[in-house]
Amino acid sequence: MTSILNIVDFSQPAKESVEYMPKAEAVLAGDPSQVVHTHFSSPCGQLAAGVWEGACGQWTVNFTESEYCEILEGVSVIRGADGTGKTVRAGDRFLIPAGFKGTWEVAEPCKKIFVSMEFKG
């Protein structure tokens, strides 16, 4: 049975924190080191939520999941494959749909809350 103890509180330490870099062939500029603090992961592995932090740089992205984002700090520029861009900064909330391909550039060190849903066919 699920109880109040199962509520995930993002003010508490994450269950798992992983530092990583995008694959070398994906990096277009800078040194975009990243950390993901996973606060929740569903038993099926399709739903995850947590906090992501990124250092300045740019890399290619290919979203296989749909991801809701809320920028807490910093500035990023997301560009589609056609070159059109969207600048996001603290306070912005948006959803990136599965299938989006383009680039992500961190212009100022960025921190966001994310909730992602991986669709498996």
PDB file of N, CA and C in Angstrom:
ATOM      1  N   MET A   1       0.850  -1.181   0.000  1.00  0.00           N
ATOM      2  CA  MET A   1       0.000   0.000   0.000  1.00  0.00           C
ATOM      3  C   MET A   1       0.893   1.241   0.000  1.00  0.00           C
ATOM      4  N   THR A   2       0.526   2.205  -0.796  1.00  0.00           N
ATOM      5  CA  THR A   2       1.263   3.459  -0.865  1.00  0.00           C
ATOM      6  C   THR A   2       0.818   4.360   0.277  1.00  0.00           C
ATOM      7  N   SER A   3       1.795   5.019   0.911  1.00  0.00           N
ATOM      8  CA  SER A   3       1.482   5.901   2.037  1.00  0.00           C
ATOM      9  C   SER A   3       2.167   7.240   1.843  1.00  0.00           C
ATOM     10  N   ILE A   4       1.986   8.112   2.808  1.00  0.00           N
ATOM     11  CA  ILE A   4       2.623   9.427   2.794  1.00  0.00           C
ATOM     12  C   ILE A   4       4.138   9.288   2.701  1.00  0.00           C
ATOM     13  N   LEU A   5       4.680   8.195   3.170  1.00  0.00           N
ATOM     14  CA  LEU A   5       6.122   7.962   3.136  1.00  0.00           C
ATOM     15  C   LEU A   5       6.634   7.762   1.711  1.00  0.00           C
ATOM     16  N   ASN A   6       5.741   7.493   0.755  1.00  0.00           N
ATOM     17  CA  ASN A   6       6.135   7.282  -0.635  1.00  0.00           C
ATOM     18  C   ASN A   6       6.201   8.571  -1.448  1.00  0.00           C
ATOM     19  N   ILE A   7       5.778   9.680  -0.852  1.00  0.00           N
ATOM     20  CA  ILE A   7       5.855  10.962  -1.558  1.00  0.00           C
ATOM     21  C   ILE A   7       7.320  11.334  -1.716  1.00  0.00           C
ATOM     22  N   VAL A   8       7.703  11.737  -2.923  1.00  0.00           N
ATOM     23  CA  VAL A   8       9.089  12.085  -3.222  1.00  0.00           C
ATOM     24  C   VAL A   8       9.283  13.576  -2.976  1.00  0.00           C
ATOM     25  N   ASP A   9      10.179  13.902  -2.069  1.00  0.00           N
ATOM     26  CA  ASP A   9      10.462  15.279  -1.682  1.00  0.00           C
ATOM     27  C   ASP A   9      11.793  15.686  -2.307  1.00  0.00           C
ATOM     28  N   PHE A  10      11.750  16.601  -3.277  1.00  0.00           N
ATOM     29  CA  PHE A  10      12.961  17.004  -3.992  1.00  0.00           C
ATOM     30  C   PHE A  10      13.919  17.808  -3.114  1.00  0.00           C
ATOM     31  N   SER A  11      13.475  18.246  -1.936  1.00  0.00           N
ATOM     32  CA  SER A  11      14.385  18.962  -1.041  1.00  0.00           C
ATOM     33  C   SER A  11      15.298  17.990  -0.291  1.00  0.00           C
ATOM     34  N   GLN A  12      14.992  16.714  -0.379  1.00  0.00           N
ATOM     35  CA  GLN A  12      15.819  15.680   0.247  1.00  0.00           C
ATOM     36  C   GLN A  12      16.854  15.195  -0.760  1.00  0.00           C
ATOM     37  N   PRO A  13      17.931  14.565  -0.284  1.00  0.00           N
ATOM     38  CA  PRO A  13      18.949  14.059  -1.223  1.00  0.00           C
ATOM     39  C   PRO A  13      18.349  13.093  -2.246  1.00  0.00           C
ATOM     40  N   ALA A  14      18.899  13.136  -3.464  1.00  0.00           N
ATOM     41  CA  ALA A  14      18.451  12.248  -4.538  1.00  0.00           C
ATOM     42  C   ALA A  14      18.811  10.808  -4.212  1.00  0.00           C
ATOM     43  N   LYS A  15      18.052   9.874  -4.786  1.00  0.00           N
ATOM     44  CA  LYS A  15      18.354   8.451  -4.612  1.00  0.00           C
ATOM     45  C   LYS A  15      19.653   8.092  -5.315  1.00  0.00           C
ATOM     46  N   GLU A  16      19.932   8.801  -6.414  1.00  0.00           N
ATOM     47  CA  GLU A  16      21.135   8.521  -7.192  1.00  0.00           C
ATOM     48  C   GLU A  16      21.575   9.804  -7.897  1.00  0.00           C
ATOM     49  N   SER A  17      22.881  10.063  -7.901  1.00  0.00           N
ATOM     50  CA  SER A  17      23.445  11.188  -8.643  1.00  0.00           C
ATOM     51  C   SER A  17      24.560  10.664  -9.527  1.00  0.00           C
ATOM     52  N   VAL A  18      24.521  11.041 -10.814  1.00  0.00           N
ATOM     53  CA  VAL A  18      25.501  10.548 -11.780  1.00  0.00           C
ATOM     54  C   VAL A  18      26.068  11.726 -12.554  1.00  0.00           C
ATOM     55  N   GLU A  19      27.404  11.833 -12.574  1.00  0.00           N
ATOM     56  CA  GLU A  19      28.086  12.824 -13.404  1.00  0.00           C
ATOM     57  C   GLU A  19      28.416  12.174 -14.730  1.00  0.00           C
ATOM     58  N   TYR A  20      28.280  12.927 -15.827  1.00  0.00           N
ATOM     59  CA  TYR A  20      28.572  12.355 -17.145  1.00  0.00           C
ATOM     60  C   TYR A  20      28.842  13.465 -18.148  1.00  0.00           C
ATOM     61  N   MET A  21      29.320  13.074 -19.292  1.00  0.00           N
ATOM     62  CA  MET A  21      29.528  13.960 -20.442  1.00  0.00           C
ATOM     63  C   MET A  21      28.753  13.364 -21.611  1.00  0.00           C
ATOM     64  N   PRO A  22      28.247  14.209 -22.506  1.00  0.00           N
ATOM     65  CA  PRO A  22      27.669  13.655 -23.740  1.00  0.00           C
ATOM     66  C   PRO A  22      28.773  12.892 -24.479  1.00  0.00           C
ATOM     67  N   LYS A  23      28.388  11.978 -25.347  1.00  0.00           N
ATOM     68  CA  LYS A  23      29.381  11.259 -26.156  1.00  0.00           C
ATOM     69  C   LYS A  23      30.229  12.274 -26.909  1.00  0.00           C
ATOM     70  N   ALA A  24      31.506  11.981 -27.055  1.00  0.00           N
ATOM     71  CA  ALA A  24      32.454  12.914 -27.680  1.00  0.00           C
ATOM     72  C   ALA A  24      31.972  13.394 -29.044  1.00  0.00           C
ATOM     73  N   GLU A  25      31.386  12.503 -29.848  1.00  0.00           N
ATOM     74  CA  GLU A  25      30.932  12.892 -31.185  1.00  0.00           C
ATOM     75  C   GLU A  25      29.718  13.825 -31.151  1.00  0.00           C
ATOM     76  N   ALA A  26      29.034  13.906 -30.001  1.00  0.00           N
ATOM     77  CA  ALA A  26      27.875  14.790 -29.865  1.00  0.00           C
ATOM     78  C   ALA A  26      28.257  16.204 -29.433  1.00  0.00           C
ATOM     79  N   VAL A  27      29.436  16.362 -28.831  1.00  0.00           N
ATOM     80  CA  VAL A  27      29.848  17.670 -28.313  1.00  0.00           C
ATOM     81  C   VAL A  27      30.249  18.586 -29.472  1.00  0.00           C
ATOM     82  N   LEU A  28      29.620  19.759 -29.520  1.00  0.00           N
ATOM     83  CA  LEU A  28      29.884  20.741 -30.576  1.00  0.00           C
ATOM     84  C   LEU A  28      30.734  21.902 -30.076  1.00  0.00           C
ATOM     85  N   ALA A  29      30.658  22.196 -28.779  1.00  0.00           N
ATOM     86  CA  ALA A  29      31.421  23.312 -28.209  1.00  0.00           C
ATOM     87  C   ALA A  29      31.518  23.163 -26.696  1.00  0.00           C
ATOM     88  N   GLY A  30      32.590  23.710 -26.136  1.00  0.00           N
ATOM     89  CA  GLY A  30      32.748  23.756 -24.686  1.00  0.00           C
ATOM     90  C   GLY A  30      33.046  22.414 -24.057  1.00  0.00           C
ATOM     91  N   ASP A  31      32.809  22.376 -22.760  1.00  0.00           N
ATOM     92  CA  ASP A  31      33.040  21.179 -21.942  1.00  0.00           C
ATOM     93  C   ASP A  31      31.758  20.916 -21.147  1.00  0.00           C
ATOM     94  N   PRO A  32      30.708  20.425 -21.829  1.00  0.00           N
ATOM     95  CA  PRO A  32      29.382  20.358 -21.217  1.00  0.00           C
ATOM     96  C   PRO A  32      29.182  19.195 -20.230  1.00  0.00           C
ATOM     97  N   SER A  33      29.942  19.227 -19.130  1.00  0.00           N
ATOM     98  CA  SER A  33      29.741  18.195 -18.115  1.00  0.00           C
ATOM     99  C   SER A  33      28.352  18.369 -17.509  1.00  0.00           C
ATOM    100  N   GLN A  34      27.776  17.253 -17.081  1.00  0.00           N
ATOM    101  CA  GLN A  34      26.406  17.256 -16.577  1.00  0.00           C
ATOM    102  C   GLN A  34      26.295  16.350 -15.363  1.00  0.00           C
ATOM    103  N   VAL A  35      25.309  16.643 -14.528  1.00  0.00           N
ATOM    104  CA  VAL A  35      24.990  15.804 -13.374  1.00  0.00           C
ATOM    105  C   VAL A  35      23.485  15.628 -13.359  1.00  0.00           C
ATOM    106  N   VAL A  36      23.047  14.404 -13.188  1.00  0.00           N
ATOM    107  CA  VAL A  36      21.614  14.151 -13.032  1.00  0.00           C
ATOM    108  C   VAL A  36      21.404  13.544 -11.645  1.00  0.00           C
ATOM    109  N   HIS A  37      20.498  14.180 -10.894  1.00  0.00           N
ATOM    110  CA  HIS A  37      20.135  13.716  -9.555  1.00  0.00           C
ATOM    111  C   HIS A  37      18.742  13.099  -9.687  1.00  0.00           C
ATOM    112  N   THR A  38      18.663  11.783  -9.692  1.00  0.00           N
ATOM    113  CA  THR A  38      17.383  11.098  -9.880  1.00  0.00           C
ATOM    114  C   THR A  38      16.696  10.936  -8.528  1.00  0.00           C
ATOM    115  N   HIS A  39      15.530  11.564  -8.403  1.00  0.00           N
ATOM    116  CA  HIS A  39      14.747  11.470  -7.169  1.00  0.00           C
ATOM    117  C   HIS A  39      13.704  10.365  -7.256  1.00  0.00           C
ATOM    118  N   PHE A  40      13.284  10.046  -8.479  1.00  0.00           N
ATOM    119  CA  PHE A  40      12.268   9.013  -8.666  1.00  0.00           C
ATOM    120  C   PHE A  40      12.497   8.300  -9.977  1.00  0.00           C
ATOM    121  N   SER A  41      12.362   7.002  -9.934  1.00  0.00           N
ATOM    122  CA  SER A  41      12.392   6.167 -11.139  1.00  0.00           C
ATOM    123  C   SER A  41      11.342   5.082 -10.951  1.00  0.00           C
ATOM    124  N   SER A  42      10.430   4.952 -11.909  1.00  0.00           N
ATOM    125  CA  SER A  42       9.359   3.964 -11.783  1.00  0.00           C
ATOM    126  C   SER A  42       9.912   2.554 -11.901  1.00  0.00           C
ATOM    127  N   PRO A  43       9.236   1.580 -11.302  1.00  0.00           N
ATOM    128  CA  PRO A  43       9.698   0.188 -11.385  1.00  0.00           C
ATOM    129  C   PRO A  43       9.861  -0.314 -12.823  1.00  0.00           C
ATOM    130  N   CYS A  44       9.039   0.200 -13.753  1.00  0.00           N
ATOM    131  CA  CYS A  44       9.138  -0.226 -15.151  1.00  0.00           C
ATOM    132  C   CYS A  44      10.280   0.476 -15.888  1.00  0.00           C
ATOM    133  N   GLY A  45      10.841   1.517 -15.266  1.00  0.00           N
ATOM    134  CA  GLY A  45      11.958   2.232 -15.867  1.00  0.00           C
ATOM    135  C   GLY A  45      11.569   3.258 -16.916  1.00  0.00           C
ATOM    136  N   GLN A  46      10.284   3.501 -17.105  1.00  0.00           N
ATOM    137  CA  GLN A  46       9.845   4.425 -18.150  1.00  0.00           C
ATOM    138  C   GLN A  46       9.659   5.860 -17.654  1.00  0.00           C
ATOM    139  N   LEU A  47       9.433   6.049 -16.364  1.00  0.00           N
ATOM    140  CA  LEU A  47       9.197   7.370 -15.798  1.00  0.00           C
ATOM    141  C   LEU A  47      10.318   7.711 -14.830  1.00  0.00           C
ATOM    142  N   ALA A  48      10.879   8.914 -14.984  1.00  0.00           N
ATOM    143  CA  ALA A  48      11.929   9.366 -14.076  1.00  0.00           C
ATOM    144  C   ALA A  48      11.728  10.843 -13.789  1.00  0.00           C
ATOM    145  N   ALA A  49      12.180  11.279 -12.613  1.00  0.00           N
ATOM    146  CA  ALA A  49      12.082  12.687 -12.233  1.00  0.00           C
ATOM    147  C   ALA A  49      13.272  13.035 -11.356  1.00  0.00           C
ATOM    148  N   GLY A  50      13.725  14.272 -11.495  1.00  0.00           N
ATOM    149  CA  GLY A  50      14.850  14.690 -10.684  1.00  0.00           C
ATOM    150  C   GLY A  50      15.322  16.073 -11.064  1.00  0.00           C
ATOM    151  N   VAL A  51      16.604  16.315 -10.778  1.00  0.00           N
ATOM    152  CA  VAL A  51      17.229  17.603 -11.045  1.00  0.00           C
ATOM    153  C   VAL A  51      18.445  17.358 -11.929  1.00  0.00           C
ATOM    154  N   TRP A  52      18.569  18.147 -12.973  1.00  0.00           N
ATOM    155  CA  TRP A  52      19.697  18.066 -13.908  1.00  0.00           C
ATOM    156  C   TRP A  52      20.482  19.360 -13.829  1.00  0.00           C
ATOM    157  N   GLU A  53      21.812  19.260 -13.899  1.00  0.00           N
ATOM    158  CA  GLU A  53      22.676  20.435 -13.917  1.00  0.00           C
ATOM    159  C   GLU A  53      23.639  20.301 -15.086  1.00  0.00           C
ATOM    160  N   GLY A  54      23.852  21.394 -15.802  1.00  0.00           N
ATOM    161  CA  GLY A  54      24.740  21.357 -16.959  1.00  0.00           C
ATOM    162  C   GLY A  54      25.695  22.536 -16.976  1.00  0.00           C
ATOM    163  N   ALA A  55      26.956  22.246 -17.360  1.00  0.00           N
ATOM    164  CA  ALA A  55      27.971  23.283 -17.526  1.00  0.00           C
ATOM    165  C   ALA A  55      27.902  23.819 -18.954  1.00  0.00           C
ATOM    166  N   CYS A  56      28.538  24.966 -19.178  1.00  0.00           N
ATOM    167  CA  CYS A  56      28.498  25.616 -20.488  1.00  0.00           C
ATOM    168  C   CYS A  56      29.068  24.726 -21.586  1.00  0.00           C
ATOM    169  N   GLY A  57      28.372  24.709 -22.702  1.00  0.00           N
ATOM    170  CA  GLY A  57      28.773  23.933 -23.863  1.00  0.00           C
ATOM    171  C   GLY A  57      27.564  23.650 -24.729  1.00  0.00           C
ATOM    172  N   GLN A  58      27.794  22.966 -25.844  1.00  0.00           N
ATOM    173  CA  GLN A  58      26.713  22.636 -26.780  1.00  0.00           C
ATOM    174  C   GLN A  58      26.916  21.223 -27.287  1.00  0.00           C
ATOM    175  N   TRP A  59      25.809  20.480 -27.436  1.00  0.00           N
ATOM    176  CA  TRP A  59      25.869  19.109 -27.928  1.00  0.00           C
ATOM    177  C   TRP A  59      24.578  18.774 -28.664  1.00  0.00           C
ATOM    178  N   THR A  60      24.645  17.732 -29.473  1.00  0.00           N
ATOM    179  CA  THR A  60      23.452  17.286 -30.193  1.00  0.00           C
ATOM    180  C   THR A  60      22.580  16.456 -29.253  1.00  0.00           C
ATOM    181  N   VAL A  61      21.277  16.527 -29.488  1.00  0.00           N
ATOM    182  CA  VAL A  61      20.317  15.760 -28.687  1.00  0.00           C
ATOM    183  C   VAL A  61      19.363  15.011 -29.605  1.00  0.00           C
ATOM    184  N   ASN A  62      18.880  13.886 -29.112  1.00  0.00           N
ATOM    185  CA  ASN A  62      17.897  13.066 -29.806  1.00  0.00           C
ATOM    186  C   ASN A  62      16.983  12.496 -28.717  1.00  0.00           C
ATOM    187  N   PHE A  63      15.853  13.136 -28.474  1.00  0.00           N
ATOM    188  CA  PHE A  63      14.974  12.736 -27.375  1.00  0.00           C
ATOM    189  C   PHE A  63      14.143  11.514 -27.756  1.00  0.00           C
ATOM    190  N   THR A  64      14.377  10.413 -27.082  1.00  0.00           N
ATOM    191  CA  THR A  64      13.541   9.225 -27.250  1.00  0.00           C
ATOM    192  C   THR A  64      12.421   9.233 -26.217  1.00  0.00           C
ATOM    193  N   GLU A  65      12.493  10.176 -25.275  1.00  0.00           N
ATOM    194  CA  GLU A  65      11.492  10.324 -24.234  1.00  0.00           C
ATOM    195  C   GLU A  65      10.833  11.696 -24.378  1.00  0.00           C
ATOM    196  N   SER A  66       9.645  11.855 -23.809  1.00  0.00           N
ATOM    197  CA  SER A  66       9.039  13.170 -23.668  1.00  0.00           C
ATOM    198  C   SER A  66       9.471  13.684 -22.305  1.00  0.00           C
ATOM    199  N   GLU A  67       9.875  14.958 -22.249  1.00  0.00           N
ATOM    200  CA  GLU A  67      10.418  15.485 -20.998  1.00  0.00           C
ATOM    201  C   GLU A  67       9.844  16.859 -20.680  1.00  0.00           C
ATOM    202  N   TYR A  68       9.249  16.954 -19.500  1.00  0.00           N
ATOM    203  CA  TYR A  68       8.815  18.237 -18.949  1.00  0.00           C
ATOM    204  C   TYR A  68      10.007  18.827 -18.216  1.00  0.00           C
ATOM    205  N   CYS A  69      10.269  20.123 -18.422  1.00  0.00           N
ATOM    206  CA  CYS A  69      11.402  20.799 -17.791  1.00  0.00           C
ATOM    207  C   CYS A  69      10.936  22.091 -17.133  1.00  0.00           C
ATOM    208  N   GLU A  70      11.566  22.399 -16.010  1.00  0.00           N
ATOM    209  CA  GLU A  70      11.394  23.694 -15.366  1.00  0.00           C
ATOM    210  C   GLU A  70      12.784  24.207 -15.029  1.00  0.00           C
ATOM    211  N   ILE A  71      13.184  25.301 -15.661  1.00  0.00           N
ATOM    212  CA  ILE A  71      14.521  25.852 -15.452  1.00  0.00           C
ATOM    213  C   ILE A  71      14.555  26.585 -14.106  1.00  0.00           C
ATOM    214  N   LEU A  72      15.491  26.184 -13.252  1.00  0.00           N
ATOM    215  CA  LEU A  72      15.653  26.796 -11.938  1.00  0.00           C
ATOM    216  C   LEU A  72      16.717  27.885 -11.942  1.00  0.00           C
ATOM    217  N   GLU A  73      17.791  27.656 -12.713  1.00  0.00           N
ATOM    218  CA  GLU A  73      18.916  28.589 -12.779  1.00  0.00           C
ATOM    219  C   GLU A  73      19.516  28.546 -14.168  1.00  0.00           C
ATOM    220  N   GLY A  74      20.121  29.655 -14.587  1.00  0.00           N
ATOM    221  CA  GLY A  74      20.900  29.681 -15.817  1.00  0.00           C
ATOM    222  C   GLY A  74      20.095  29.925 -17.076  1.00  0.00           C
ATOM    223  N   VAL A  75      20.806  29.751 -18.204  1.00  0.00           N
ATOM    224  CA  VAL A  75      20.226  29.999 -19.525  1.00  0.00           C
ATOM    225  C   VAL A  75      20.693  28.909 -20.480  1.00  0.00           C
ATOM    226  N   SER A  76      19.767  28.362 -21.249  1.00  0.00           N
ATOM    227  CA  SER A  76      20.077  27.397 -22.299  1.00  0.00           C
ATOM    228  C   SER A  76      19.378  27.808 -23.583  1.00  0.00           C
ATOM    229  N   VAL A  77      19.943  27.359 -24.706  1.00  0.00           N
ATOM    230  CA  VAL A  77      19.318  27.583 -26.007  1.00  0.00           C
ATOM    231  C   VAL A  77      19.119  26.208 -26.638  1.00  0.00           C
ATOM    232  N   ILE A  78      17.867  25.909 -26.967  1.00  0.00           N
ATOM    233  CA  ILE A  78      17.528  24.635 -27.602  1.00  0.00           C
ATOM    234  C   ILE A  78      17.245  24.951 -29.060  1.00  0.00           C
ATOM    235  N   ARG A  79      17.916  24.227 -29.964  1.00  0.00           N
ATOM    236  CA  ARG A  79      17.724  24.461 -31.398  1.00  0.00           C
ATOM    237  C   ARG A  79      17.235  23.176 -32.065  1.00  0.00           C
ATOM    238  N   GLY A  80      16.286  23.351 -32.975  1.00  0.00           N
ATOM    239  CA  GLY A  80      15.803  22.226 -33.759  1.00  0.00           C
ATOM    240  C   GLY A  80      16.776  21.910 -34.882  1.00  0.00           C
ATOM    241  N   ALA A  81      16.549  20.800 -35.540  1.00  0.00           N
ATOM    242  CA  ALA A  81      17.405  20.377 -36.650  1.00  0.00           C
ATOM    243  C   ALA A  81      17.425  21.417 -37.772  1.00  0.00           C
ATOM    244  N   ASP A  82      16.371  22.231 -37.869  1.00  0.00           N
ATOM    245  CA  ASP A  82      16.304  23.270 -38.908  1.00  0.00           C
ATOM    246  C   ASP A  82      17.007  24.565 -38.490  1.00  0.00           C
ATOM    247  N   GLY A  83      17.594  24.589 -37.276  1.00  0.00           N
ATOM    248  CA  GLY A  83      18.341  25.752 -36.805  1.00  0.00           C
ATOM    249  C   GLY A  83      17.542  26.763 -36.001  1.00  0.00           C
ATOM    250  N   THR A  84      16.214  26.642 -35.984  1.00  0.00           N
ATOM    251  CA  THR A  84      15.421  27.570 -35.184  1.00  0.00           C
ATOM    252  C   THR A  84      15.670  27.292 -33.707  1.00  0.00           C
ATOM    253  N   GLY A  85      15.668  28.350 -32.909  1.00  0.00           N
ATOM    254  CA  GLY A  85      16.020  28.181 -31.509  1.00  0.00           C
ATOM    255  C   GLY A  85      15.013  28.762 -30.540  1.00  0.00           C
ATOM    256  N   LYS A  86      15.130  28.297 -29.311  1.00  0.00           N
ATOM    257  CA  LYS A  86      14.314  28.782 -28.200  1.00  0.00           C
ATOM    258  C   LYS A  86      15.245  28.950 -27.008  1.00  0.00           C
ATOM    259  N   THR A  87      15.297  30.160 -26.448  1.00  0.00           N
ATOM    260  CA  THR A  87      16.096  30.420 -25.265  1.00  0.00           C
ATOM    261  C   THR A  87      15.227  30.198 -24.042  1.00  0.00           C
ATOM    262  N   VAL A  88      15.747  29.429 -23.086  1.00  0.00           N
ATOM    263  CA  VAL A  88      15.020  29.146 -21.842  1.00  0.00           C
ATOM    264  C   VAL A  88      15.880  29.599 -20.668  1.00  0.00           C
ATOM    265  N   ARG A  89      15.205  30.139 -19.660  1.00  0.00           N
ATOM    266  CA  ARG A  89      15.921  30.660 -18.481  1.00  0.00           C
ATOM    267  C   ARG A  89      15.083  30.412 -17.232  1.00  0.00           C
ATOM    268  N   ALA A  90      15.650  30.758 -16.083  1.00  0.00           N
ATOM    269  CA  ALA A  90      14.982  30.525 -14.796  1.00  0.00           C
ATOM    270  C   ALA A  90      13.519  30.960 -14.850  1.00  0.00           C
ATOM    271  N   GLY A  91      12.649  30.056 -14.427  1.00  0.00           N
ATOM    272  CA  GLY A  91      11.206  30.302 -14.413  1.00  0.00           C
ATOM    273  C   GLY A  91      10.470  29.720 -15.598  1.00  0.00           C
ATOM    274  N   ASP A  92      11.189  29.389 -16.681  1.00  0.00           N
ATOM    275  CA  ASP A  92      10.527  28.820 -17.862  1.00  0.00           C
ATOM    276  C   ASP A  92      10.163  27.356 -17.631  1.00  0.00           C
ATOM    277  N   ARG A  93       8.984  26.991 -18.146  1.00  0.00           N
ATOM    278  CA  ARG A  93       8.487  25.614 -18.057  1.00  0.00           C
ATOM    279  C   ARG A  93       8.068  25.199 -19.460  1.00  0.00           C
ATOM    280  N   PHE A  94       8.450  23.989 -19.854  1.00  0.00           N
ATOM    281  CA  PHE A  94       8.148  23.539 -21.215  1.00  0.00           C
ATOM    282  C   PHE A  94       8.251  22.025 -21.285  1.00  0.00           C
ATOM    283  N   LEU A  95       7.766  21.462 -22.386  1.00  0.00           N
ATOM    284  CA  LEU A  95       7.837  20.023 -22.626  1.00  0.00           C
ATOM    285  C   LEU A  95       8.487  19.780 -23.973  1.00  0.00           C
ATOM    286  N   ILE A  96       9.480  18.911 -23.984  1.00  0.00           N
ATOM    287  CA  ILE A  96      10.133  18.504 -25.225  1.00  0.00           C
ATOM    288  C   ILE A  96       9.548  17.146 -25.599  1.00  0.00           C
ATOM    289  N   PRO A  97       8.905  17.037 -26.755  1.00  0.00           N
ATOM    290  CA  PRO A  97       8.277  15.763 -27.130  1.00  0.00           C
ATOM    291  C   PRO A  97       9.300  14.740 -27.615  1.00  0.00           C
ATOM    292  N   ALA A  98       8.977  13.475 -27.407  1.00  0.00           N
ATOM    293  CA  ALA A  98       9.808  12.384 -27.937  1.00  0.00           C
ATOM    294  C   ALA A  98       9.948  12.579 -29.437  1.00  0.00           C
ATOM    295  N   GLY A  99      11.132  12.318 -29.961  1.00  0.00           N
ATOM    296  CA  GLY A  99      11.392  12.470 -31.384  1.00  0.00           C
ATOM    297  C   GLY A  99      12.099  13.767 -31.737  1.00  0.00           C
ATOM    298  N   PHE A 100      12.209  14.700 -30.755  1.00  0.00           N
ATOM    299  CA  PHE A 100      12.892  15.961 -31.030  1.00  0.00           C
ATOM    300  C   PHE A 100      14.381  15.710 -31.239  1.00  0.00           C
ATOM    301  N   LYS A 101      14.923  16.284 -32.324  1.00  0.00           N
ATOM    302  CA  LYS A 101      16.351  16.202 -32.622  1.00  0.00           C
ATOM    303  C   LYS A 101      16.871  17.608 -32.853  1.00  0.00           C
ATOM    304  N   GLY A 102      18.049  17.881 -32.356  1.00  0.00           N
ATOM    305  CA  GLY A 102      18.646  19.199 -32.530  1.00  0.00           C
ATOM    306  C   GLY A 102      19.867  19.344 -31.650  1.00  0.00           C
ATOM    307  N   THR A 103      20.005  20.531 -31.035  1.00  0.00           N
ATOM    308  CA  THR A 103      21.131  20.781 -30.135  1.00  0.00           C
ATOM    309  C   THR A 103      20.627  21.434 -28.858  1.00  0.00           C
ATOM    310  N   TRP A 104      21.404  21.247 -27.802  1.00  0.00           N
ATOM    311  CA  TRP A 104      21.165  21.917 -26.520  1.00  0.00           C
ATOM    312  C   TRP A 104      22.450  22.659 -26.212  1.00  0.00           C
ATOM    313  N   GLU A 105      22.330  23.958 -25.953  1.00  0.00           N
ATOM    314  CA  GLU A 105      23.486  24.767 -25.581  1.00  0.00           C
ATOM    315  C   GLU A 105      23.244  25.394 -24.216  1.00  0.00           C
ATOM    316  N   VAL A 106      24.154  25.171 -23.289  1.00  0.00           N
ATOM    317  CA  VAL A 106      24.099  25.842 -21.997  1.00  0.00           C
ATOM    318  C   VAL A 106      24.944  27.107 -22.127  1.00  0.00           C
ATOM    319  N   ALA A 107      24.275  28.266 -22.100  1.00  0.00           N
ATOM    320  CA  ALA A 107      24.957  29.551 -22.229  1.00  0.00           C
ATOM    321  C   ALA A 107      25.449  30.056 -20.874  1.00  0.00           C
ATOM    322  N   GLU A 108      24.679  29.772 -19.814  1.00  0.00           N
ATOM    323  CA  GLU A 108      25.047  30.056 -18.434  1.00  0.00           C
ATOM    324  C   GLU A 108      24.742  28.789 -17.652  1.00  0.00           C
ATOM    325  N   PRO A 109      25.636  28.359 -16.737  1.00  0.00           N
ATOM    326  CA  PRO A 109      25.386  27.102 -16.018  1.00  0.00           C
ATOM    327  C   PRO A 109      23.913  26.971 -15.645  1.00  0.00           C
ATOM    328  N   CYS A 110      23.347  25.821 -15.967  1.00  0.00           N
ATOM    329  CA  CYS A 110      21.903  25.622 -15.931  1.00  0.00           C
ATOM    330  C   CYS A 110      21.526  24.510 -14.957  1.00  0.00           C
ATOM    331  N   LYS A 111      20.370  24.698 -14.336  1.00  0.00           N
ATOM    332  CA  LYS A 111      19.815  23.689 -13.434  1.00  0.00           C
ATOM    333  C   LYS A 111      18.326  23.606 -13.727  1.00  0.00           C
ATOM    334  N   LYS A 112      17.816  22.389 -13.867  1.00  0.00           N
ATOM    335  CA  LYS A 112      16.390  22.229 -14.168  1.00  0.00           C
ATOM    336  C   LYS A 112      15.818  21.039 -13.420  1.00  0.00           C
ATOM    337  N   ILE A 113      14.529  21.119 -13.157  1.00  0.00           N
ATOM    338  CA  ILE A 113      13.763  19.957 -12.706  1.00  0.00           C
ATOM    339  C   ILE A 113      13.244  19.292 -13.958  1.00  0.00           C
ATOM    340  N   PHE A 114      13.285  17.964 -13.994  1.00  0.00           N
ATOM    341  CA  PHE A 114      12.765  17.244 -15.151  1.00  0.00           C
ATOM    342  C   PHE A 114      11.855  16.112 -14.710  1.00  0.00           C
ATOM    343  N   VAL A 115      10.897  15.815 -15.564  1.00  0.00           N
ATOM    344  CA  VAL A 115      10.064  14.612 -15.454  1.00  0.00           C
ATOM    345  C   VAL A 115      10.040  14.038 -16.855  1.00  0.00           C
ATOM    346  N   SER A 116      10.555  12.828 -17.014  1.00  0.00           N
ATOM    347  CA  SER A 116      10.628  12.248 -18.360  1.00  0.00           C
ATOM    348  C   SER A 116       9.886  10.917 -18.420  1.00  0.00           C
ATOM    349  N   MET A 117       9.288  10.700 -19.569  1.00  0.00           N
ATOM    350  CA  MET A 117       8.547   9.459 -19.833  1.00  0.00           C
ATOM    351  C   MET A 117       9.083   8.858 -21.111  1.00  0.00           C
ATOM    352  N   GLU A 118       9.685   7.692 -20.995  1.00  0.00           N
ATOM    353  CA  GLU A 118      10.218   6.953 -22.127  1.00  0.00           C
ATOM    354  C   GLU A 118       9.119   6.073 -22.689  1.00  0.00           C
ATOM    355  N   PHE A 119       8.906   6.180 -23.991  1.00  0.00           N
ATOM    356  CA  PHE A 119       7.872   5.374 -24.633  1.00  0.00           C
ATOM    357  C   PHE A 119       8.535   4.183 -25.295  1.00  0.00           C
ATOM    358  N   LYS A 120       8.110   3.011 -24.894  1.00  0.00           N
ATOM    359  CA  LYS A 120       8.684   1.785 -25.457  1.00  0.00           C
ATOM    360  C   LYS A 120       7.612   1.095 -26.292  1.00  0.00           C
ATOM    361  N   GLY A 121       7.994   0.767 -27.489  1.00  0.00           N
ATOM    362  CA  GLY A 121       7.022   0.169 -28.399  1.00  0.00           C
ATOM    363  C   GLY A 121       7.058  -1.316 -28.468  1.00  0.00           C
TER     364      GLY A 121
END
